[in-house]
Amino acid sequence: MDILDRLATYRAEEQGLVWEGTFGEYLQLVRKQPSVAETAHSRIYHMISAAGIDEDEAGHKTYRFFSRELFGLNDSLDRLVEEYFHSAARRLDVRKRILLLMGPVSGGKSTIVTLLKKGLERYTRTPEGALYGIKGCPMHEEPLHLIPSELRADVEAELGIRIEGNLCPSCRMRLQSEYDGRIDTVLVERVVLSEDERVGIGTFSPSDPKSQDIADLTGSIDFSTISEFGSESDPRAYRFDGELNKANRGLMEFQEMLKCDEKFLWNLLSLTQEGNFKAGRFALISADE
C-alpha cells in the first residue's frame, strides 16, 4: 500500500473515533453497551483479557497482553491480573489500594507500566474499549455523574450499572451556567486516552522536595484570572492540570513513590480510600483511576 494511502486510511480511522451527542444519547449507548461506564480498574482488566489468556494443564496462565515483552514473570503477572485488577474490577476492597511495583533493576516494572499505558491508548480506540466524557471537562468526567444521587438507584437498576463519584467543580458550574440545569442537553464526547496529549494517562516524577509544588499533582489556582472571575473559588480560576486531574478515568504512574515527600502522599491516601482528593479551595474532587 502506498504511504499516502496509508495516511488517508489512518486519517479516516481517526475521524471514525469522533463522536459527540447529548447526555440523552449517551444513555442509549450505555443501555446497549454497559461497559462504556465501567471503572478504570475494570477497563484495564478487560483490556488484558481481550488479548487472550492461555492456560496449561497445571492451571498456570499466560497473558498474551504481556507475552511479547515479558518472560519468566508468569506467576507475578498472574497475581497482578487476578489478585489486583480482576478483584478491583469486581469492586472489592483491593481497588482502594495503590499498586506498588517493587523489585531489582531490569525486573520488568517499567515495562509493565509502559505496556498498560500503551495498551489503554489502543484499547480505547476499539468499540469494546470505547470511553466517553462530558465535553470540555478538564477531567474527562463520567457523564453519569450528572445524575442526582436521589435518582441513581433507579437508574442503576434500569441500566444494570453502578454510578460512583460526583461532578468536578468545573462541570457543576457549567451545568448551571451553560445548560441552565438541563442534564439531558449536556454534550458528551468520545474520549481516546493518550499519554502524549495528557488525556487519561499521567506520570508524576518526584524531584527536589524544596522546589516541587503539590500543584504538579492536584492542579492550582490561576491568580491572573481572579480579577476577571472575582474569586479564587470560581472553577474558571483553577487550573485542572495536575497529574491526578489529567489521569482521571485512566492510569497514573507515580515514579519513585517511596522517595516522595509525605505531603504528596496524603492526597493518594484520600484518593484511594475515598475516591476523591482535595484541590485548592474546592470541595473534594472525585477521581476514577
Foldseek 3Di string as FASTA:
>chain_A
DDPVVVVVVVVVLVVVQKDKDFPQVVLVVCLVPVLQLFFQLLLLLVLQPVQDWDADPVGQIDTNLCVVPDPPCSVVVCCVNVVASVCVSVVPLSQLDDDDDDDDPPPCPVVVVVSSQVSQLVQCSDPNNWYKAFPPQLQRHDLVLLDDPVCQVVSCVVSVHHDDFHDFLVVVVCCCPVVVVPRRGGMMIIDRDDDVVLAQEEEAEADPQVPDDLCLAAWAFQVVCCVVVVDSARPVRTGRNHSQRSNFRYDYHYPPVVVHDCVNCVQSNCCSPVQWGDHDPDDTHHGGD
